[in-house]
């Protein structure tokens, strides 16, 4: 049933969510090396940079105008209103603040 599935998913989330991972604990306690932090920031940038493209594909297939209107906000959150001032730009800023080259980061 849907309630059983939800219970299983909530249990897995409680046991295995990212905040329980040893890497996350090391990161939040300041125990990562610079190289580990750079690798994490690069990985997060690459992951986040794909989200607006995925969301655009969902929009392209959606028939409900209300759904499309609501979903557009997700793209704007990542890309920004001007195409480059949203969350992805903040991930790039983090990566470059850690010493990574912006062009290398954006090359995915």
PDB file of N, CA and C in Angstrom:
ATOM      1  N   UNK A   1       0.842  -1.193   0.000  1.00  0.00           N
ATOM      2  CA  UNK A   1       0.000   0.000   0.000  1.00  0.00           C
ATOM      3  C   UNK A   1       0.883   1.251   0.000  1.00  0.00           C
ATOM      4  N   UNK A   2       0.278   2.357  -0.313  1.00  0.00           N
ATOM      5  CA  UNK A   2       1.052   3.601  -0.353  1.00  0.00           C
ATOM      6  C   UNK A   2       1.545   4.004   1.036  1.00  0.00           C
ATOM      7  N   UNK A   3       0.767   3.730   2.063  1.00  0.00           N
ATOM      8  CA  UNK A   3       1.209   4.083   3.419  1.00  0.00           C
ATOM      9  C   UNK A   3       2.368   3.198   3.871  1.00  0.00           C
ATOM     10  N   UNK A   4       2.363   1.939   3.446  1.00  0.00           N
ATOM     11  CA  UNK A   4       3.485   1.047   3.777  1.00  0.00           C
ATOM     12  C   UNK A   4       4.756   1.493   3.054  1.00  0.00           C
ATOM     13  N   UNK A   5       4.614   1.861   1.790  1.00  0.00           N
ATOM     14  CA  UNK A   5       5.761   2.357   1.034  1.00  0.00           C
ATOM     15  C   UNK A   5       6.318   3.621   1.688  1.00  0.00           C
ATOM     16  N   UNK A   6       5.425   4.519   2.067  1.00  0.00           N
ATOM     17  CA  UNK A   6       5.872   5.743   2.726  1.00  0.00           C
ATOM     18  C   UNK A   6       6.621   5.426   4.016  1.00  0.00           C
ATOM     19  N   UNK A   7       6.117   4.480   4.791  1.00  0.00           N
ATOM     20  CA  UNK A   7       6.779   4.108   6.045  1.00  0.00           C
ATOM     21  C   UNK A   7       8.180   3.555   5.788  1.00  0.00           C
ATOM     22  N   UNK A   8       8.306   2.715   4.766  1.00  0.00           N
ATOM     23  CA  UNK A   8       9.616   2.149   4.422  1.00  0.00           C
ATOM     24  C   UNK A   8      10.569   3.260   3.983  1.00  0.00           C
ATOM     25  N   UNK A   9      10.097   4.152   3.126  1.00  0.00           N
ATOM     26  CA  UNK A   9      10.948   5.246   2.657  1.00  0.00           C
ATOM     27  C   UNK A   9      11.371   6.165   3.799  1.00  0.00           C
ATOM     28  N   UNK A  10      10.462   6.441   4.705  1.00  0.00           N
ATOM     29  CA  UNK A  10      10.809   7.279   5.857  1.00  0.00           C
ATOM     30  C   UNK A  10      11.837   6.591   6.752  1.00  0.00           C
ATOM     31  N   UNK A  11      11.718   5.291   6.907  1.00  0.00           N
ATOM     32  CA  UNK A  11      12.682   4.541   7.713  1.00  0.00           C
ATOM     33  C   UNK A  11      14.068   4.567   7.066  1.00  0.00           C
ATOM     34  N   UNK A  12      14.110   4.318   5.770  1.00  0.00           N
ATOM     35  CA  UNK A  12      15.395   4.363   5.051  1.00  0.00           C
ATOM     36  C   UNK A  12      15.997   5.765   5.166  1.00  0.00           C
ATOM     37  N   UNK A  13      15.174   6.779   4.997  1.00  0.00           N
ATOM     38  CA  UNK A  13      15.667   8.146   5.124  1.00  0.00           C
ATOM     39  C   UNK A  13      16.222   8.434   6.507  1.00  0.00           C
ATOM     40  N   UNK A  14      15.537   7.965   7.529  1.00  0.00           N
ATOM     41  CA  UNK A  14      15.997   8.190   8.900  1.00  0.00           C
ATOM     42  C   UNK A  14      17.330   7.499   9.167  1.00  0.00           C
ATOM     43  N   UNK A  15      17.524   6.349   8.546  1.00  0.00           N
ATOM     44  CA  UNK A  15      18.748   5.576   8.776  1.00  0.00           C
ATOM     45  C   UNK A  15      19.894   5.990   7.867  1.00  0.00           C
ATOM     46  N   UNK A  16      19.587   6.442   6.649  1.00  0.00           N
ATOM     47  CA  UNK A  16      20.642   6.600   5.652  1.00  0.00           C
ATOM     48  C   UNK A  16      20.746   7.987   5.033  1.00  0.00           C
ATOM     49  N   UNK A  17      20.032   8.959   5.563  1.00  0.00           N
ATOM     50  CA  UNK A  17      20.081  10.296   4.982  1.00  0.00           C
ATOM     51  C   UNK A  17      21.509  10.827   5.045  1.00  0.00           C
ATOM     52  N   UNK A  18      21.841  11.745   4.140  1.00  0.00           N
ATOM     53  CA  UNK A  18      23.226  12.206   4.005  1.00  0.00           C
ATOM     54  C   UNK A  18      23.817  12.759   5.297  1.00  0.00           C
ATOM     55  N   UNK A  19      22.997  13.320   6.168  1.00  0.00           N
ATOM     56  CA  UNK A  19      23.539  13.903   7.393  1.00  0.00           C
ATOM     57  C   UNK A  19      24.061  12.854   8.373  1.00  0.00           C
ATOM     58  N   UNK A  20      23.790  11.587   8.102  1.00  0.00           N
ATOM     59  CA  UNK A  20      24.304  10.509   8.948  1.00  0.00           C
ATOM     60  C   UNK A  20      25.610   9.919   8.399  1.00  0.00           C
ATOM     61  N   UNK A  21      25.994  10.309   7.205  1.00  0.00           N
ATOM     62  CA  UNK A  21      27.177   9.731   6.575  1.00  0.00           C
ATOM     63  C   UNK A  21      28.455  10.254   7.244  1.00  0.00           C
ATOM     64  N   UNK A  22      29.446   9.379   7.435  1.00  0.00           N
ATOM     65  CA  UNK A  22      30.705   9.815   8.062  1.00  0.00           C
ATOM     66  C   UNK A  22      31.369  10.997   7.340  1.00  0.00           C
ATOM     67  N   UNK A  23      31.282  11.037   6.013  1.00  0.00           N
ATOM     68  CA  UNK A  23      31.865  12.161   5.268  1.00  0.00           C
ATOM     69  C   UNK A  23      31.197  13.464   5.685  1.00  0.00           C
ATOM     70  N   UNK A  24      29.887  13.444   5.801  1.00  0.00           N
ATOM     71  CA  UNK A  24      29.153  14.651   6.199  1.00  0.00           C
ATOM     72  C   UNK A  24      29.580  15.093   7.600  1.00  0.00           C
ATOM     73  N   UNK A  25      29.738  14.141   8.493  1.00  0.00           N
ATOM     74  CA  UNK A  25      30.182  14.471   9.856  1.00  0.00           C
ATOM     75  C   UNK A  25      31.569  15.106   9.831  1.00  0.00           C
ATOM     76  N   UNK A  26      32.465  14.552   9.019  1.00  0.00           N
ATOM     77  CA  UNK A  26      33.809  15.119   8.908  1.00  0.00           C
ATOM     78  C   UNK A  26      33.753  16.528   8.322  1.00  0.00           C
ATOM     79  N   UNK A  27      32.887  16.719   7.326  1.00  0.00           N
ATOM     80  CA  UNK A  27      32.778  18.031   6.694  1.00  0.00           C
ATOM     81  C   UNK A  27      32.260  19.068   7.691  1.00  0.00           C
ATOM     82  N   UNK A  28      31.189  18.752   8.382  1.00  0.00           N
ATOM     83  CA  UNK A  28      30.586  19.734   9.282  1.00  0.00           C
ATOM     84  C   UNK A  28      31.414  19.970  10.541  1.00  0.00           C
ATOM     85  N   UNK A  29      32.341  19.068  10.830  1.00  0.00           N
ATOM     86  CA  UNK A  29      33.220  19.282  11.984  1.00  0.00           C
ATOM     87  C   UNK A  29      34.544  19.932  11.580  1.00  0.00           C
ATOM     88  N   UNK A  30      34.716  20.200  10.268  1.00  0.00           N
ATOM     89  CA  UNK A  30      35.933  20.848   9.798  1.00  0.00           C
ATOM     90  C   UNK A  30      37.112  19.914   9.634  1.00  0.00           C
ATOM     91  N   UNK A  31      36.856  18.610   9.533  1.00  0.00           N
ATOM     92  CA  UNK A  31      37.939  17.628   9.471  1.00  0.00           C
ATOM     93  C   UNK A  31      38.359  17.250   8.049  1.00  0.00           C
ATOM     94  N   UNK A  32      37.695  17.776   7.027  1.00  0.00           N
ATOM     95  CA  UNK A  32      38.077  17.433   5.657  1.00  0.00           C
ATOM     96  C   UNK A  32      39.330  18.194   5.243  1.00  0.00           C
ATOM     97  N   UNK A  33      40.108  17.567   4.372  1.00  0.00           N
ATOM     98  CA  UNK A  33      41.240  18.272   3.775  1.00  0.00           C
ATOM     99  C   UNK A  33      40.702  19.242   2.722  1.00  0.00           C
ATOM    100  N   UNK A  34      41.549  20.144   2.286  1.00  0.00           N
ATOM    101  CA  UNK A  34      41.153  21.085   1.230  1.00  0.00           C
ATOM    102  C   UNK A  34      40.762  20.322  -0.036  1.00  0.00           C
ATOM    103  N   UNK A  35      41.532  19.297  -0.387  1.00  0.00           N
ATOM    104  CA  UNK A  35      41.236  18.510  -1.594  1.00  0.00           C
ATOM    105  C   UNK A  35      39.885  17.805  -1.474  1.00  0.00           C
ATOM    106  N   UNK A  36      39.568  17.294  -0.294  1.00  0.00           N
ATOM    107  CA  UNK A  36      38.265  16.641  -0.101  1.00  0.00           C
ATOM    108  C   UNK A  36      37.134  17.651  -0.221  1.00  0.00           C
ATOM    109  N   UNK A  37      37.336  18.842   0.326  1.00  0.00           N
ATOM    110  CA  UNK A  37      36.310  19.887   0.228  1.00  0.00           C
ATOM    111  C   UNK A  37      36.141  20.323  -1.221  1.00  0.00           C
ATOM    112  N   UNK A  38      37.245  20.442  -1.958  1.00  0.00           N
ATOM    113  CA  UNK A  38      37.174  20.805  -3.372  1.00  0.00           C
ATOM    114  C   UNK A  38      36.408  19.746  -4.160  1.00  0.00           C
ATOM    115  N   UNK A  39      36.702  18.485  -3.891  1.00  0.00           N
ATOM    116  CA  UNK A  39      36.018  17.395  -4.601  1.00  0.00           C
ATOM    117  C   UNK A  39      34.525  17.425  -4.302  1.00  0.00           C
ATOM    118  N   UNK A  40      34.169  17.683  -3.051  1.00  0.00           N
ATOM    119  CA  UNK A  40      32.756  17.742  -2.674  1.00  0.00           C
ATOM    120  C   UNK A  40      32.068  18.906  -3.391  1.00  0.00           C
ATOM    121  N   UNK A  41      32.703  20.082  -3.395  1.00  0.00           N
ATOM    122  CA  UNK A  41      32.107  21.255  -4.044  1.00  0.00           C
ATOM    123  C   UNK A  41      31.955  21.029  -5.547  1.00  0.00           C
ATOM    124  N   UNK A  42      32.949  20.425  -6.176  1.00  0.00           N
ATOM    125  CA  UNK A  42      32.869  20.132  -7.609  1.00  0.00           C
ATOM    126  C   UNK A  42      31.724  19.165  -7.891  1.00  0.00           C
ATOM    127  N   UNK A  43      31.616  18.131  -7.077  1.00  0.00           N
ATOM    128  CA  UNK A  43      30.543  17.155  -7.246  1.00  0.00           C
ATOM    129  C   UNK A  43      29.178  17.817  -7.096  1.00  0.00           C
ATOM    130  N   UNK A  44      29.029  18.660  -6.083  1.00  0.00           N
ATOM    131  CA  UNK A  44      27.747  19.336  -5.859  1.00  0.00           C
ATOM    132  C   UNK A  44      27.418  20.277  -7.015  1.00  0.00           C
ATOM    133  N   UNK A  45      28.422  20.992  -7.526  1.00  0.00           N
ATOM    134  CA  UNK A  45      28.179  21.877  -8.662  1.00  0.00           C
ATOM    135  C   UNK A  45      27.662  21.069  -9.852  1.00  0.00           C
ATOM    136  N   UNK A  46      28.352  19.989 -10.172  1.00  0.00           N
ATOM    137  CA  UNK A  46      27.955  19.181 -11.334  1.00  0.00           C
ATOM    138  C   UNK A  46      26.544  18.634 -11.164  1.00  0.00           C
ATOM    139  N   UNK A  47      26.211  18.195  -9.961  1.00  0.00           N
ATOM    140  CA  UNK A  47      24.866  17.685  -9.685  1.00  0.00           C
ATOM    141  C   UNK A  47      23.830  18.803  -9.843  1.00  0.00           C
ATOM    142  N   UNK A  48      24.071  19.937  -9.211  1.00  0.00           N
ATOM    143  CA  UNK A  48      23.109  21.036  -9.228  1.00  0.00           C
ATOM    144  C   UNK A  48      22.940  21.633 -10.624  1.00  0.00           C
ATOM    145  N   UNK A  49      24.018  21.675 -11.400  1.00  0.00           N
ATOM    146  CA  UNK A  49      23.963  22.290 -12.728  1.00  0.00           C
ATOM    147  C   UNK A  49      23.044  21.542 -13.682  1.00  0.00           C
ATOM    148  N   UNK A  50      22.813  20.276 -13.435  1.00  0.00           N
ATOM    149  CA  UNK A  50      21.968  19.464 -14.317  1.00  0.00           C
ATOM    150  C   UNK A  50      20.481  19.619 -13.973  1.00  0.00           C
ATOM    151  N   UNK A  51      20.181  20.014 -12.768  1.00  0.00           N
ATOM    152  CA  UNK A  51      18.789  20.055 -12.313  1.00  0.00           C
ATOM    153  C   UNK A  51      17.895  20.934 -13.197  1.00  0.00           C
ATOM    154  N   UNK A  52      18.296  22.149 -13.594  1.00  0.00           N
ATOM    155  CA  UNK A  52      17.397  22.943 -14.446  1.00  0.00           C
ATOM    156  C   UNK A  52      17.120  22.289 -15.794  1.00  0.00           C
ATOM    157  N   UNK A  53      18.093  21.576 -16.324  1.00  0.00           N
ATOM    158  CA  UNK A  53      17.868  20.883 -17.604  1.00  0.00           C
ATOM    159  C   UNK A  53      16.860  19.756 -17.425  1.00  0.00           C
ATOM    160  N   UNK A  54      16.986  19.043 -16.324  1.00  0.00           N
ATOM    161  CA  UNK A  54      16.023  17.977 -16.016  1.00  0.00           C
ATOM    162  C   UNK A  54      14.633  18.575 -15.821  1.00  0.00           C
ATOM    163  N   UNK A  55      14.571  19.677 -15.072  1.00  0.00           N
ATOM    164  CA  UNK A  55      13.283  20.324 -14.837  1.00  0.00           C
ATOM    165  C   UNK A  55      12.666  20.838 -16.137  1.00  0.00           C
ATOM    166  N   UNK A  56      13.489  21.335 -17.050  1.00  0.00           N
ATOM    167  CA  UNK A  56      12.985  21.808 -18.344  1.00  0.00           C
ATOM    168  C   UNK A  56      12.393  20.658 -19.149  1.00  0.00           C
ATOM    169  N   UNK A  57      13.003  19.483 -19.051  1.00  0.00           N
ATOM    170  CA  UNK A  57      12.439  18.320 -19.754  1.00  0.00           C
ATOM    171  C   UNK A  57      11.083  17.936 -19.165  1.00  0.00           C
ATOM    172  N   UNK A  58      10.969  18.027 -17.851  1.00  0.00           N
ATOM    173  CA  UNK A  58       9.683  17.741 -17.206  1.00  0.00           C
ATOM    174  C   UNK A  58       8.643  18.756 -17.680  1.00  0.00           C
ATOM    175  N   UNK A  59       9.019  20.034 -17.711  1.00  0.00           N
ATOM    176  CA  UNK A  59       8.103  21.077 -18.186  1.00  0.00           C
ATOM    177  C   UNK A  59       7.664  20.840 -19.621  1.00  0.00           C
ATOM    178  N   UNK A  60       8.595  20.435 -20.459  1.00  0.00           N
ATOM    179  CA  UNK A  60       8.285  20.226 -21.875  1.00  0.00           C
ATOM    180  C   UNK A  60       7.240  19.138 -22.073  1.00  0.00           C
ATOM    181  N   UNK A  61       7.153  18.227 -21.151  1.00  0.00           N
ATOM    182  CA  UNK A  61       6.213  17.108 -21.289  1.00  0.00           C
ATOM    183  C   UNK A  61       4.919  17.312 -20.503  1.00  0.00           C
ATOM    184  N   UNK A  62       4.883  18.359 -19.683  1.00  0.00           N
ATOM    185  CA  UNK A  62       3.717  18.584 -18.831  1.00  0.00           C
ATOM    186  C   UNK A  62       2.603  19.273 -19.610  1.00  0.00           C
ATOM    187  N   UNK A  63       1.395  18.774 -19.457  1.00  0.00           N
ATOM    188  CA  UNK A  63       0.245  19.351 -20.150  1.00  0.00           C
ATOM    189  C   UNK A  63      -0.520  20.352 -19.292  1.00  0.00           C
ATOM    190  N   UNK A  64      -0.373  20.276 -17.987  1.00  0.00           N
ATOM    191  CA  UNK A  64      -1.136  21.115 -17.068  1.00  0.00           C
ATOM    192  C   UNK A  64      -0.447  22.475 -16.876  1.00  0.00           C
ATOM    193  N   UNK A  65      -1.091  23.569 -17.308  1.00  0.00           N
ATOM    194  CA  UNK A  65      -0.477  24.894 -17.181  1.00  0.00           C
ATOM    195  C   UNK A  65      -0.160  25.279 -15.730  1.00  0.00           C
ATOM    196  N   UNK A  66      -1.004  24.892 -14.797  1.00  0.00           N
ATOM    197  CA  UNK A  66      -0.758  25.218 -13.389  1.00  0.00           C
ATOM    198  C   UNK A  66       0.492  24.499 -12.881  1.00  0.00           C
ATOM    199  N   UNK A  67       0.643  23.249 -13.283  1.00  0.00           N
ATOM    200  CA  UNK A  67       1.838  22.492 -12.909  1.00  0.00           C
ATOM    201  C   UNK A  67       3.081  23.158 -13.501  1.00  0.00           C
ATOM    202  N   UNK A  68       3.007  23.533 -14.792  1.00  0.00           N
ATOM    203  CA  UNK A  68       4.155  24.173 -15.437  1.00  0.00           C
ATOM    204  C   UNK A  68       4.513  25.479 -14.740  1.00  0.00           C
ATOM    205  N   UNK A  69       3.511  26.254 -14.375  1.00  0.00           N
ATOM    206  CA  UNK A  69       3.767  27.530 -13.700  1.00  0.00           C
ATOM    207  C   UNK A  69       4.483  27.309 -12.371  1.00  0.00           C
ATOM    208  N   UNK A  70       4.043  26.313 -11.632  1.00  0.00           N
ATOM    209  CA  UNK A  70       4.679  26.017 -10.346  1.00  0.00           C
ATOM    210  C   UNK A  70       6.092  25.475 -10.540  1.00  0.00           C
ATOM    211  N   UNK A  71       6.283  24.648 -11.541  1.00  0.00           N
ATOM    212  CA  UNK A  71       7.575  23.983 -11.754  1.00  0.00           C
ATOM    213  C   UNK A  71       8.638  24.959 -12.274  1.00  0.00           C
ATOM    214  N   UNK A  72       8.217  26.001 -12.995  1.00  0.00           N
ATOM    215  CA  UNK A  72       9.177  26.988 -13.517  1.00  0.00           C
ATOM    216  C   UNK A  72      10.008  27.610 -12.406  1.00  0.00           C
ATOM    217  N   UNK A  73       9.426  27.742 -11.236  1.00  0.00           N
ATOM    218  CA  UNK A  73      10.132  28.338 -10.094  1.00  0.00           C
ATOM    219  C   UNK A  73      11.391  27.548  -9.762  1.00  0.00           C
ATOM    220  N   UNK A  74      11.345  26.246  -9.945  1.00  0.00           N
ATOM    221  CA  UNK A  74      12.515  25.409  -9.667  1.00  0.00           C
ATOM    222  C   UNK A  74      13.682  25.790 -10.578  1.00  0.00           C
ATOM    223  N   UNK A  75      13.391  26.030 -11.840  1.00  0.00           N
ATOM    224  CA  UNK A  75      14.446  26.420 -12.782  1.00  0.00           C
ATOM    225  C   UNK A  75      15.000  27.791 -12.395  1.00  0.00           C
ATOM    226  N   UNK A  76      14.106  28.703 -12.074  1.00  0.00           N
ATOM    227  CA  UNK A  76      14.531  30.043 -11.681  1.00  0.00           C
ATOM    228  C   UNK A  76      15.383  30.008 -10.414  1.00  0.00           C
ATOM    229  N   UNK A  77      15.038  29.137  -9.474  1.00  0.00           N
ATOM    230  CA  UNK A  77      15.833  29.013  -8.248  1.00  0.00           C
ATOM    231  C   UNK A  77      17.275  28.621  -8.564  1.00  0.00           C
ATOM    232  N   UNK A  78      17.442  27.746  -9.526  1.00  0.00           N
ATOM    233  CA  UNK A  78      18.788  27.280  -9.873  1.00  0.00           C
ATOM    234  C   UNK A  78      19.520  28.231 -10.811  1.00  0.00           C
ATOM    235  N   UNK A  79      18.842  28.735 -11.829  1.00  0.00           N
ATOM    236  CA  UNK A  79      19.485  29.583 -12.832  1.00  0.00           C
ATOM    237  C   UNK A  79      19.472  31.064 -12.464  1.00  0.00           C
ATOM    238  N   UNK A  80      18.525  31.472 -11.643  1.00  0.00           N
ATOM    239  CA  UNK A  80      18.351  32.884 -11.345  1.00  0.00           C
ATOM    240  C   UNK A  80      17.434  33.526 -12.368  1.00  0.00           C
ATOM    241  N   UNK A  81      16.907  34.665 -12.041  1.00  0.00           N
ATOM    242  CA  UNK A  81      15.996  35.360 -12.950  1.00  0.00           C
ATOM    243  C   UNK A  81      16.691  35.809 -14.224  1.00  0.00           C
ATOM    244  N   UNK A  82      17.986  36.082 -14.129  1.00  0.00           N
ATOM    245  CA  UNK A  82      18.735  36.584 -15.283  1.00  0.00           C
ATOM    246  C   UNK A  82      19.518  35.486 -15.996  1.00  0.00           C
ATOM    247  N   UNK A  83      19.363  34.259 -15.563  1.00  0.00           N
ATOM    248  CA  UNK A  83      20.062  33.151 -16.202  1.00  0.00           C
ATOM    249  C   UNK A  83      21.347  32.744 -15.516  1.00  0.00           C
ATOM    250  N   UNK A  84      21.810  33.535 -14.540  1.00  0.00           N
ATOM    251  CA  UNK A  84      23.051  33.121 -13.888  1.00  0.00           C
ATOM    252  C   UNK A  84      23.240  33.754 -12.510  1.00  0.00           C
ATOM    253  N   UNK A  85      22.188  33.947 -11.764  1.00  0.00           N
ATOM    254  CA  UNK A  85      22.343  34.519 -10.424  1.00  0.00           C
ATOM    255  C   UNK A  85      21.685  33.645  -9.360  1.00  0.00           C
ATOM    256  N   UNK A  86      21.363  32.422  -9.712  1.00  0.00           N
ATOM    257  CA  UNK A  86      20.684  31.542  -8.772  1.00  0.00           C
ATOM    258  C   UNK A  86      21.636  30.633  -8.010  1.00  0.00           C
ATOM    259  N   UNK A  87      21.090  29.524  -7.580  1.00  0.00           N
ATOM    260  CA  UNK A  87      21.839  28.586  -6.762  1.00  0.00           C
ATOM    261  C   UNK A  87      23.074  28.021  -7.433  1.00  0.00           C
ATOM    262  N   UNK A  88      23.031  27.811  -8.734  1.00  0.00           N
ATOM    263  CA  UNK A  88      24.197  27.263  -9.434  1.00  0.00           C
ATOM    264  C   UNK A  88      25.369  28.233  -9.329  1.00  0.00           C
ATOM    265  N   UNK A  89      25.108  29.516  -9.442  1.00  0.00           N
ATOM    266  CA  UNK A  89      26.175  30.516  -9.310  1.00  0.00           C
ATOM    267  C   UNK A  89      26.784  30.463  -7.915  1.00  0.00           C
ATOM    268  N   UNK A  90      25.967  30.202  -6.910  1.00  0.00           N
ATOM    269  CA  UNK A  90      26.497  30.109  -5.547  1.00  0.00           C
ATOM    270  C   UNK A  90      27.385  28.876  -5.383  1.00  0.00           C
ATOM    271  N   UNK A  91      27.012  27.768  -6.028  1.00  0.00           N
ATOM    272  CA  UNK A  91      27.878  26.578  -5.985  1.00  0.00           C
ATOM    273  C   UNK A  91      29.193  26.854  -6.695  1.00  0.00           C
ATOM    274  N   UNK A  92      29.145  27.575  -7.807  1.00  0.00           N
ATOM    275  CA  UNK A  92      30.373  27.932  -8.518  1.00  0.00           C
ATOM    276  C   UNK A  92      31.239  28.832  -7.642  1.00  0.00           C
ATOM    277  N   UNK A  93      30.620  29.767  -6.956  1.00  0.00           N
ATOM    278  CA  UNK A  93      31.365  30.655  -6.062  1.00  0.00           C
ATOM    279  C   UNK A  93      32.058  29.846  -4.962  1.00  0.00           C
ATOM    280  N   UNK A  94      31.367  28.885  -4.400  1.00  0.00           N
ATOM    281  CA  UNK A  94      31.987  28.038  -3.377  1.00  0.00           C
ATOM    282  C   UNK A  94      33.190  27.305  -3.954  1.00  0.00           C
ATOM    283  N   UNK A  95      33.018  26.709  -5.130  1.00  0.00           N
ATOM    284  CA  UNK A  95      34.111  25.945  -5.743  1.00  0.00           C
ATOM    285  C   UNK A  95      35.319  26.838  -6.023  1.00  0.00           C
ATOM    286  N   UNK A  96      35.084  28.026  -6.552  1.00  0.00           N
ATOM    287  CA  UNK A  96      36.216  28.913  -6.845  1.00  0.00           C
ATOM    288  C   UNK A  96      36.826  29.469  -5.562  1.00  0.00           C
ATOM    289  N   UNK A  97      36.019  29.648  -4.527  1.00  0.00           N
ATOM    290  CA  UNK A  97      36.544  30.097  -3.235  1.00  0.00           C
ATOM    291  C   UNK A  97      37.473  29.057  -2.619  1.00  0.00           C
ATOM    292  N   UNK A  98      37.272  27.815  -3.005  1.00  0.00           N
ATOM    293  CA  UNK A  98      38.133  26.730  -2.529  1.00  0.00           C
ATOM    294  C   UNK A  98      39.354  26.536  -3.424  1.00  0.00           C
ATOM    295  N   UNK A  99      39.507  27.407  -4.428  1.00  0.00           N
ATOM    296  CA  UNK A  99      40.689  27.361  -5.269  1.00  0.00           C
ATOM    297  C   UNK A  99      40.529  26.654  -6.596  1.00  0.00           C
ATOM    298  N   UNK A 100      39.317  26.228  -6.929  1.00  0.00           N
ATOM    299  CA  UNK A 100      39.099  25.562  -8.216  1.00  0.00           C
ATOM    300  C   UNK A 100      38.914  26.604  -9.317  1.00  0.00           C
ATOM    301  N   UNK A 101      39.331  26.276 -10.510  1.00  0.00           N
ATOM    302  CA  UNK A 101      39.190  27.151 -11.662  1.00  0.00           C
ATOM    303  C   UNK A 101      37.745  27.119 -12.166  1.00  0.00           C
ATOM    304  N   UNK A 102      37.148  28.284 -12.353  1.00  0.00           N
ATOM    305  CA  UNK A 102      35.741  28.365 -12.758  1.00  0.00           C
ATOM    306  C   UNK A 102      35.479  27.644 -14.074  1.00  0.00           C
ATOM    307  N   UNK A 103      36.349  27.816 -15.056  1.00  0.00           N
ATOM    308  CA  UNK A 103      36.138  27.156 -16.350  1.00  0.00           C
ATOM    309  C   UNK A 103      36.221  25.643 -16.221  1.00  0.00           C
ATOM    310  N   UNK A 104      37.132  25.169 -15.393  1.00  0.00           N
ATOM    311  CA  UNK A 104      37.247  23.719 -15.181  1.00  0.00           C
ATOM    312  C   UNK A 104      36.001  23.182 -14.490  1.00  0.00           C
ATOM    313  N   UNK A 105      35.493  23.914 -13.509  1.00  0.00           N
ATOM    314  CA  UNK A 105      34.282  23.485 -12.801  1.00  0.00           C
ATOM    315  C   UNK A 105      33.111  23.440 -13.771  1.00  0.00           C
ATOM    316  N   UNK A 106      32.937  24.484 -14.574  1.00  0.00           N
ATOM    317  CA  UNK A 106      31.808  24.555 -15.503  1.00  0.00           C
ATOM    318  C   UNK A 106      31.912  23.562 -16.649  1.00  0.00           C
ATOM    319  N   UNK A 107      33.095  23.014 -16.879  1.00  0.00           N
ATOM    320  CA  UNK A 107      33.256  22.070 -17.991  1.00  0.00           C
ATOM    321  C   UNK A 107      32.612  20.727 -17.704  1.00  0.00           C
ATOM    322  N   UNK A 108      32.248  20.483 -16.460  1.00  0.00           N
ATOM    323  CA  UNK A 108      31.621  19.235 -16.028  1.00  0.00           C
ATOM    324  C   UNK A 108      32.446  18.058 -16.478  1.00  0.00           C
TER     325      UNK A 108
END
